[in-house]
Amino acid sequence: MSSAEFASSTALLVDVGGVLLLPNAALLTPVVARHGGVDTEEEFLRAHYAAHNAAFPARGELRDYYELLPRFAGVPAERLPAAVEDYRAVSRTRNMWHAPDPASRAALAEFTGEGVRVAIVSQADGRIAQMLREAAMCQEGEAWV
C-alpha cells in the first residue's frame, strides 16, 4: 500500500480536552501564584498534568483534581484551603480548557496535508464545536460541525 493509499484509508481520532485544547494557564497561573504556588505558565501546566494524573489514575480511586492542583503547584499547606476555593471559583466562571495547543495545531495540519482524515471526539457537554471555533482550532477541511 502506498503512502497516499494509506492516508486515504486512514482516519485519526483526536480528543479535545488535553490534546487540542489545554487549560488556560494565563488565567489559572495567577490563582495559585497569589497563594504562594508556582508563578509561570510552564510550571502551572506541569502541576496541572501531575494533579490530573493523580486525580484520574488508570487504576484506583478517583480523587478531587481541585484539591490536588494547589498541592502539586507548591501552595503552602496553611494556604491550601483558600487556594482550593479560589481555583474552584475561577473554574466555575467558564470552561478553563480553551487554550489551543500550537503543537497539536501543527500536527493536525501535517496529517491533513498528507490526506489523513481527522475526526474530533469529545465527551464534553455539547459546547466543543463553539469552543474550537473560538480557539481558531480545526477550522480547515471539507466538514465542520
N, C-alpha and C. Protein backbone atom coordinates (compact mmCIF):
# COMPACT_ATOMS: atom_id res chain seq x y z
N MET A 1 0.85 -1.18 0.00
CA MET A 1 0.00 0.00 0.00
C MET A 1 0.90 1.23 0.00
N SER A 2 0.63 2.13 -0.92
CA SER A 2 1.42 3.36 -0.99
C SER A 2 1.03 4.30 0.15
N SER A 3 1.87 5.31 0.41
CA SER A 3 1.56 6.27 1.48
C SER A 3 0.28 7.04 1.16
N ALA A 4 0.03 7.32 -0.11
CA ALA A 4 -1.20 8.01 -0.49
C ALA A 4 -2.42 7.13 -0.24
N GLU A 5 -2.30 5.84 -0.59
CA GLU A 5 -3.41 4.91 -0.33
C GLU A 5 -3.64 4.74 1.17
N PHE A 6 -2.55 4.66 1.92
CA PHE A 6 -2.68 4.54 3.37
C PHE A 6 -3.37 5.77 3.95
N ALA A 7 -2.95 6.95 3.54
CA ALA A 7 -3.54 8.19 4.06
C ALA A 7 -5.02 8.28 3.72
N SER A 8 -5.39 7.87 2.51
CA SER A 8 -6.80 7.99 2.12
C SER A 8 -7.69 6.96 2.81
N SER A 9 -7.09 5.89 3.34
CA SER A 9 -7.89 4.88 4.02
C SER A 9 -7.74 4.95 5.53
N THR A 10 -7.09 5.97 6.02
CA THR A 10 -6.82 6.11 7.45
C THR A 10 -7.53 7.33 8.01
N ALA A 11 -8.01 7.19 9.22
CA ALA A 11 -8.60 8.33 9.92
C ALA A 11 -7.97 8.43 11.30
N LEU A 12 -7.76 9.63 11.72
CA LEU A 12 -7.18 9.90 13.04
C LEU A 12 -8.28 10.45 13.93
N LEU A 13 -8.52 9.80 15.06
CA LEU A 13 -9.48 10.29 16.05
C LEU A 13 -8.72 11.10 17.08
N VAL A 14 -9.16 12.32 17.33
CA VAL A 14 -8.45 13.22 18.24
C VAL A 14 -9.41 13.72 19.30
N ASP A 15 -9.02 13.56 20.56
CA ASP A 15 -9.79 14.08 21.68
C ASP A 15 -9.51 15.57 21.81
N VAL A 16 -10.44 16.29 22.39
CA VAL A 16 -10.28 17.74 22.52
C VAL A 16 -9.52 18.09 23.79
N GLY A 17 -10.08 17.76 24.94
CA GLY A 17 -9.50 18.16 26.22
C GLY A 17 -8.15 17.54 26.48
N GLY A 18 -7.15 18.37 26.64
CA GLY A 18 -5.80 17.90 26.91
C GLY A 18 -5.00 17.57 25.67
N VAL A 19 -5.63 17.64 24.51
CA VAL A 19 -4.94 17.38 23.25
C VAL A 19 -5.00 18.63 22.37
N LEU A 20 -6.20 19.01 21.98
CA LEU A 20 -6.36 20.22 21.16
C LEU A 20 -6.49 21.48 22.01
N LEU A 21 -7.23 21.36 23.09
CA LEU A 21 -7.42 22.49 23.99
C LEU A 21 -6.84 22.15 25.36
N LEU A 22 -6.04 23.06 25.87
CA LEU A 22 -5.38 22.88 27.16
C LEU A 22 -5.97 23.84 28.18
N PRO A 23 -5.70 23.62 29.46
CA PRO A 23 -6.15 24.58 30.46
C PRO A 23 -5.51 25.95 30.17
N ASN A 24 -6.25 27.00 30.39
CA ASN A 24 -5.74 28.34 30.12
C ASN A 24 -4.79 28.76 31.24
N ALA A 25 -3.52 28.47 31.05
CA ALA A 25 -2.51 28.76 32.07
C ALA A 25 -2.37 30.25 32.33
N ALA A 26 -2.64 31.08 31.32
CA ALA A 26 -2.54 32.53 31.53
C ALA A 26 -3.55 33.02 32.57
N LEU A 27 -4.73 32.40 32.60
CA LEU A 27 -5.75 32.77 33.58
C LEU A 27 -5.58 32.05 34.91
N LEU A 28 -5.09 30.82 34.88
CA LEU A 28 -5.06 30.00 36.08
C LEU A 28 -3.77 30.11 36.89
N THR A 29 -2.66 30.41 36.26
CA THR A 29 -1.39 30.53 36.99
C THR A 29 -1.47 31.57 38.10
N PRO A 30 -2.02 32.76 37.84
CA PRO A 30 -2.10 33.76 38.91
C PRO A 30 -2.93 33.32 40.11
N VAL A 31 -3.87 32.42 39.90
CA VAL A 31 -4.71 31.95 41.00
C VAL A 31 -3.85 31.21 42.03
N VAL A 32 -3.00 30.30 41.56
CA VAL A 32 -2.15 29.58 42.51
C VAL A 32 -0.97 30.42 42.96
N ALA A 33 -0.48 31.30 42.11
CA ALA A 33 0.66 32.15 42.49
C ALA A 33 0.32 33.07 43.65
N ARG A 34 -0.89 33.61 43.67
CA ARG A 34 -1.23 34.53 44.77
C ARG A 34 -1.37 33.82 46.12
N HIS A 35 -1.37 32.49 46.08
CA HIS A 35 -1.40 31.70 47.32
C HIS A 35 -0.03 31.08 47.61
N GLY A 36 0.99 31.52 46.90
CA GLY A 36 2.34 31.04 47.15
C GLY A 36 2.77 29.88 46.29
N GLY A 37 1.97 29.54 45.27
CA GLY A 37 2.32 28.44 44.38
C GLY A 37 3.14 28.90 43.19
N VAL A 38 3.26 28.04 42.22
CA VAL A 38 4.06 28.33 41.03
C VAL A 38 3.61 29.62 40.37
N ASP A 39 4.55 30.26 39.67
CA ASP A 39 4.20 31.55 39.07
C ASP A 39 4.52 31.66 37.59
N THR A 40 4.81 30.53 36.94
CA THR A 40 4.98 30.56 35.49
C THR A 40 3.97 29.61 34.86
N GLU A 41 3.61 29.90 33.63
CA GLU A 41 2.65 29.04 32.92
C GLU A 41 3.20 27.64 32.73
N GLU A 42 4.48 27.52 32.45
CA GLU A 42 5.09 26.20 32.26
C GLU A 42 4.99 25.39 33.55
N GLU A 43 5.29 26.01 34.69
CA GLU A 43 5.20 25.30 35.96
C GLU A 43 3.75 24.96 36.29
N PHE A 44 2.83 25.88 35.96
CA PHE A 44 1.42 25.59 36.20
C PHE A 44 0.98 24.36 35.40
N LEU A 45 1.33 24.32 34.12
CA LEU A 45 0.92 23.17 33.30
C LEU A 45 1.55 21.88 33.81
N ARG A 46 2.77 21.94 34.27
CA ARG A 46 3.40 20.75 34.85
C ARG A 46 2.60 20.29 36.08
N ALA A 47 2.23 21.24 36.95
CA ALA A 47 1.43 20.91 38.14
C ALA A 47 0.05 20.38 37.73
N HIS A 48 -0.54 21.00 36.72
CA HIS A 48 -1.85 20.55 36.23
C HIS A 48 -1.80 19.09 35.80
N TYR A 49 -0.80 18.74 34.98
CA TYR A 49 -0.73 17.36 34.48
C TYR A 49 -0.47 16.37 35.61
N ALA A 50 0.34 16.76 36.58
CA ALA A 50 0.59 15.88 37.72
C ALA A 50 -0.69 15.70 38.53
N ALA A 51 -1.41 16.78 38.77
CA ALA A 51 -2.66 16.70 39.53
C ALA A 51 -3.71 15.89 38.78
N HIS A 52 -3.80 16.11 37.47
CA HIS A 52 -4.77 15.38 36.66
C HIS A 52 -4.46 13.89 36.68
N ASN A 53 -3.20 13.54 36.56
CA ASN A 53 -2.79 12.14 36.60
C ASN A 53 -3.13 11.51 37.95
N ALA A 54 -2.91 12.25 39.03
CA ALA A 54 -3.22 11.73 40.36
C ALA A 54 -4.73 11.64 40.60
N ALA A 55 -5.48 12.57 40.03
CA ALA A 55 -6.94 12.59 40.23
C ALA A 55 -7.66 11.51 39.44
N PHE A 56 -7.11 11.15 38.29
CA PHE A 56 -7.76 10.19 37.40
C PHE A 56 -6.79 9.06 37.03
N PRO A 57 -6.42 8.25 38.02
CA PRO A 57 -5.44 7.19 37.74
C PRO A 57 -6.03 6.09 36.87
N ALA A 58 -5.16 5.38 36.18
CA ALA A 58 -5.62 4.26 35.35
C ALA A 58 -6.27 3.19 36.22
N ARG A 59 -5.77 3.05 37.43
CA ARG A 59 -6.32 2.09 38.40
C ARG A 59 -6.44 2.81 39.74
N GLY A 60 -7.41 2.41 40.49
CA GLY A 60 -7.57 3.00 41.81
C GLY A 60 -8.69 4.03 41.85
N GLU A 61 -8.83 4.62 43.00
CA GLU A 61 -9.92 5.57 43.21
C GLU A 61 -9.64 6.92 42.60
N LEU A 62 -10.72 7.53 42.11
CA LEU A 62 -10.63 8.89 41.62
C LEU A 62 -10.46 9.83 42.80
N ARG A 63 -9.73 10.93 42.59
CA ARG A 63 -9.54 11.92 43.63
C ARG A 63 -9.96 13.28 43.08
N ASP A 64 -10.09 14.25 43.97
CA ASP A 64 -10.56 15.58 43.59
C ASP A 64 -9.43 16.41 42.98
N TYR A 65 -9.51 16.63 41.69
CA TYR A 65 -8.49 17.41 40.97
C TYR A 65 -8.30 18.79 41.61
N TYR A 66 -9.39 19.43 41.99
CA TYR A 66 -9.31 20.79 42.54
C TYR A 66 -8.59 20.82 43.89
N GLU A 67 -8.65 19.74 44.63
CA GLU A 67 -7.91 19.64 45.88
C GLU A 67 -6.42 19.37 45.61
N LEU A 68 -6.14 18.64 44.55
CA LEU A 68 -4.77 18.24 44.25
C LEU A 68 -3.94 19.32 43.56
N LEU A 69 -4.56 20.09 42.67
CA LEU A 69 -3.79 21.04 41.87
C LEU A 69 -2.98 22.00 42.74
N PRO A 70 -3.56 22.67 43.73
CA PRO A 70 -2.74 23.59 44.53
C PRO A 70 -1.57 22.88 45.24
N ARG A 71 -1.77 21.66 45.65
CA ARG A 71 -0.67 20.90 46.28
C ARG A 71 0.48 20.69 45.29
N PHE A 72 0.14 20.22 44.09
CA PHE A 72 1.17 19.99 43.07
C PHE A 72 1.79 21.30 42.60
N ALA A 73 1.06 22.39 42.76
CA ALA A 73 1.57 23.71 42.35
C ALA A 73 2.41 24.36 43.44
N GLY A 74 2.62 23.66 44.54
CA GLY A 74 3.52 24.17 45.58
C GLY A 74 2.92 25.16 46.55
N VAL A 75 1.60 25.23 46.64
CA VAL A 75 0.96 26.12 47.60
C VAL A 75 1.26 25.59 49.01
N PRO A 76 1.72 26.46 49.92
CA PRO A 76 1.99 26.02 51.30
C PRO A 76 0.73 25.47 51.97
N ALA A 77 0.92 24.49 52.84
CA ALA A 77 -0.20 23.78 53.47
C ALA A 77 -1.20 24.71 54.14
N GLU A 78 -0.70 25.74 54.82
CA GLU A 78 -1.62 26.64 55.53
C GLU A 78 -2.47 27.49 54.59
N ARG A 79 -2.09 27.55 53.31
CA ARG A 79 -2.85 28.36 52.35
C ARG A 79 -3.69 27.50 51.40
N LEU A 80 -3.62 26.18 51.57
CA LEU A 80 -4.33 25.28 50.67
C LEU A 80 -5.84 25.49 50.63
N PRO A 81 -6.54 25.60 51.77
CA PRO A 81 -7.99 25.75 51.70
C PRO A 81 -8.43 26.97 50.86
N ALA A 82 -7.78 28.09 51.05
CA ALA A 82 -8.13 29.29 50.28
C ALA A 82 -7.78 29.12 48.80
N ALA A 83 -6.64 28.49 48.54
CA ALA A 83 -6.23 28.27 47.15
C ALA A 83 -7.20 27.35 46.43
N VAL A 84 -7.63 26.29 47.11
CA VAL A 84 -8.59 25.35 46.52
C VAL A 84 -9.88 26.08 46.19
N GLU A 85 -10.38 26.87 47.12
CA GLU A 85 -11.64 27.60 46.89
C GLU A 85 -11.50 28.60 45.74
N ASP A 86 -10.39 29.33 45.69
CA ASP A 86 -10.20 30.29 44.59
C ASP A 86 -10.09 29.58 43.25
N TYR A 87 -9.39 28.45 43.23
CA TYR A 87 -9.23 27.70 41.98
C TYR A 87 -10.58 27.17 41.51
N ARG A 88 -11.38 26.66 42.44
CA ARG A 88 -12.74 26.21 42.08
C ARG A 88 -13.57 27.37 41.56
N ALA A 89 -13.49 28.51 42.24
CA ALA A 89 -14.31 29.67 41.88
C ALA A 89 -13.99 30.16 40.47
N VAL A 90 -12.73 30.30 40.14
CA VAL A 90 -12.38 30.78 38.80
C VAL A 90 -12.75 29.74 37.75
N SER A 91 -12.66 28.47 38.09
CA SER A 91 -13.01 27.42 37.14
C SER A 91 -14.51 27.35 36.89
N ARG A 92 -15.31 27.87 37.81
CA ARG A 92 -16.77 27.91 37.61
C ARG A 92 -17.19 29.01 36.64
N THR A 93 -16.33 29.99 36.40
CA THR A 93 -16.72 31.11 35.56
C THR A 93 -16.85 30.72 34.10
N ARG A 94 -16.12 29.72 33.66
CA ARG A 94 -16.20 29.19 32.30
C ARG A 94 -15.35 27.93 32.23
N ASN A 95 -15.46 27.21 31.15
CA ASN A 95 -14.61 26.04 30.95
C ASN A 95 -13.19 26.56 30.75
N MET A 96 -12.29 26.16 31.60
CA MET A 96 -10.91 26.65 31.52
C MET A 96 -10.07 25.89 30.50
N TRP A 97 -10.63 24.84 29.90
CA TRP A 97 -9.90 24.08 28.89
C TRP A 97 -10.19 24.70 27.52
N HIS A 98 -9.66 25.88 27.27
CA HIS A 98 -9.95 26.54 26.00
C HIS A 98 -8.72 27.15 25.33
N ALA A 99 -7.53 26.86 25.82
CA ALA A 99 -6.31 27.39 25.21
C ALA A 99 -5.83 26.42 24.13
N PRO A 100 -5.76 26.88 22.89
CA PRO A 100 -5.33 25.98 21.81
C PRO A 100 -3.87 25.57 21.96
N ASP A 101 -3.59 24.32 21.69
CA ASP A 101 -2.22 23.81 21.75
C ASP A 101 -1.56 23.97 20.38
N PRO A 102 -0.56 24.84 20.27
CA PRO A 102 0.09 25.07 18.97
C PRO A 102 0.71 23.80 18.37
N ALA A 103 1.24 22.93 19.21
CA ALA A 103 1.85 21.70 18.69
C ALA A 103 0.79 20.79 18.07
N SER A 104 -0.38 20.74 18.69
CA SER A 104 -1.47 19.92 18.13
C SER A 104 -1.97 20.53 16.83
N ARG A 105 -2.06 21.85 16.79
CA ARG A 105 -2.49 22.52 15.55
C ARG A 105 -1.53 22.16 14.42
N ALA A 106 -0.23 22.23 14.68
CA ALA A 106 0.77 21.92 13.66
C ALA A 106 0.69 20.45 13.24
N ALA A 107 0.50 19.56 14.20
CA ALA A 107 0.41 18.13 13.88
C ALA A 107 -0.83 17.85 13.02
N LEU A 108 -1.95 18.48 13.36
CA LEU A 108 -3.17 18.28 12.56
C LEU A 108 -2.96 18.78 11.13
N ALA A 109 -2.31 19.92 10.98
CA ALA A 109 -2.04 20.45 9.64
C ALA A 109 -1.17 19.48 8.84
N GLU A 110 -0.21 18.88 9.52
CA GLU A 110 0.65 17.92 8.84
C GLU A 110 -0.14 16.68 8.41
N PHE A 111 -0.95 16.14 9.31
CA PHE A 111 -1.76 14.97 8.97
C PHE A 111 -2.72 15.27 7.83
N THR A 112 -3.47 16.37 7.95
CA THR A 112 -4.44 16.67 6.90
C THR A 112 -3.75 17.02 5.58
N GLY A 113 -2.56 17.60 5.67
CA GLY A 113 -1.78 17.88 4.47
C GLY A 113 -1.36 16.61 3.74
N GLU A 114 -1.24 15.52 4.49
CA GLU A 114 -0.90 14.22 3.91
C GLU A 114 -2.15 13.45 3.47
N GLY A 115 -3.32 14.05 3.65
CA GLY A 115 -4.56 13.42 3.22
C GLY A 115 -5.23 12.54 4.26
N VAL A 116 -4.71 12.55 5.49
CA VAL A 116 -5.33 11.76 6.55
C VAL A 116 -6.60 12.47 7.01
N ARG A 117 -7.68 11.72 7.06
CA ARG A 117 -8.94 12.28 7.56
C ARG A 117 -8.87 12.35 9.08
N VAL A 118 -9.41 13.43 9.64
CA VAL A 118 -9.36 13.65 11.08
C VAL A 118 -10.79 13.80 11.61
N ALA A 119 -11.07 13.10 12.70
CA ALA A 119 -12.36 13.23 13.38
C ALA A 119 -12.09 13.68 14.81
N ILE A 120 -12.82 14.69 15.23
CA ILE A 120 -12.67 15.23 16.58
C ILE A 120 -13.72 14.58 17.47
N VAL A 121 -13.27 14.07 18.61
CA VAL A 121 -14.19 13.43 19.56
C VAL A 121 -14.08 14.12 20.91
N SER A 122 -15.19 14.09 21.65
CA SER A 122 -15.18 14.68 22.99
C SER A 122 -16.32 14.10 23.79
N GLN A 123 -16.12 14.02 25.08
CA GLN A 123 -17.19 13.61 25.98
C GLN A 123 -17.74 14.82 26.73
N ALA A 124 -17.45 16.00 26.24
CA ALA A 124 -17.86 17.23 26.91
C ALA A 124 -19.35 17.50 26.73
N ASP A 125 -19.75 18.65 27.17
CA ASP A 125 -21.17 18.96 27.32
C ASP A 125 -21.87 19.55 26.10
N GLY A 126 -21.33 19.40 24.92
CA GLY A 126 -22.01 19.88 23.72
C GLY A 126 -21.55 21.24 23.24
N ARG A 127 -20.61 21.86 23.92
CA ARG A 127 -20.12 23.17 23.52
C ARG A 127 -18.77 23.11 22.81
N ILE A 128 -18.31 21.93 22.51
CA ILE A 128 -16.96 21.79 21.96
C ILE A 128 -16.83 22.46 20.60
N ALA A 129 -17.79 22.32 19.72
CA ALA A 129 -17.68 22.95 18.41
C ALA A 129 -17.48 24.45 18.55
N GLN A 130 -18.24 25.08 19.44
CA GLN A 130 -18.10 26.53 19.66
C GLN A 130 -16.74 26.85 20.28
N MET A 131 -16.31 26.04 21.23
CA MET A 131 -15.01 26.29 21.85
C MET A 131 -13.87 26.16 20.84
N LEU A 132 -13.96 25.19 19.94
CA LEU A 132 -12.94 25.04 18.91
C LEU A 132 -12.97 26.22 17.94
N ARG A 133 -14.16 26.72 17.62
CA ARG A 133 -14.25 27.92 16.78
C ARG A 133 -13.58 29.10 17.47
N GLU A 134 -13.90 29.32 18.74
CA GLU A 134 -13.34 30.44 19.50
C GLU A 134 -11.81 30.34 19.60
N ALA A 135 -11.30 29.13 19.67
CA ALA A 135 -9.86 28.92 19.77
C ALA A 135 -9.18 28.92 18.39
N ALA A 136 -9.98 29.06 17.33
CA ALA A 136 -9.47 29.00 15.95
C ALA A 136 -8.70 27.70 15.72
N MET A 137 -9.25 26.63 16.22
CA MET A 137 -8.66 25.30 16.09
C MET A 137 -9.56 24.48 15.21
N CYS A 138 -8.99 23.73 14.27
CA CYS A 138 -9.75 22.82 13.40
C CYS A 138 -10.71 23.56 12.48
N GLN A 139 -10.25 24.61 11.89
CA GLN A 139 -11.11 25.40 11.02
C GLN A 139 -10.93 25.07 9.53
N GLU A 140 -10.21 24.02 9.24
CA GLU A 140 -9.95 23.68 7.84
C GLU A 140 -10.59 22.36 7.48
N GLY A 141 -10.76 22.14 6.21
CA GLY A 141 -11.27 20.85 5.75
C GLY A 141 -12.65 20.98 5.15
N GLU A 142 -13.14 19.85 4.66
CA GLU A 142 -14.43 19.81 3.96
C GLU A 142 -15.60 19.85 4.92
N ALA A 143 -15.44 19.33 6.11
CA ALA A 143 -16.56 19.23 7.04
C ALA A 143 -16.26 20.01 8.30
N TRP A 144 -17.32 20.48 8.91
CA TRP A 144 -17.20 21.18 10.20
C TRP A 144 -18.55 21.10 10.89
N VAL A 145 -18.54 20.77 12.14
CA VAL A 145 -19.79 20.67 12.89
C VAL A 145 -20.18 22.05 13.38
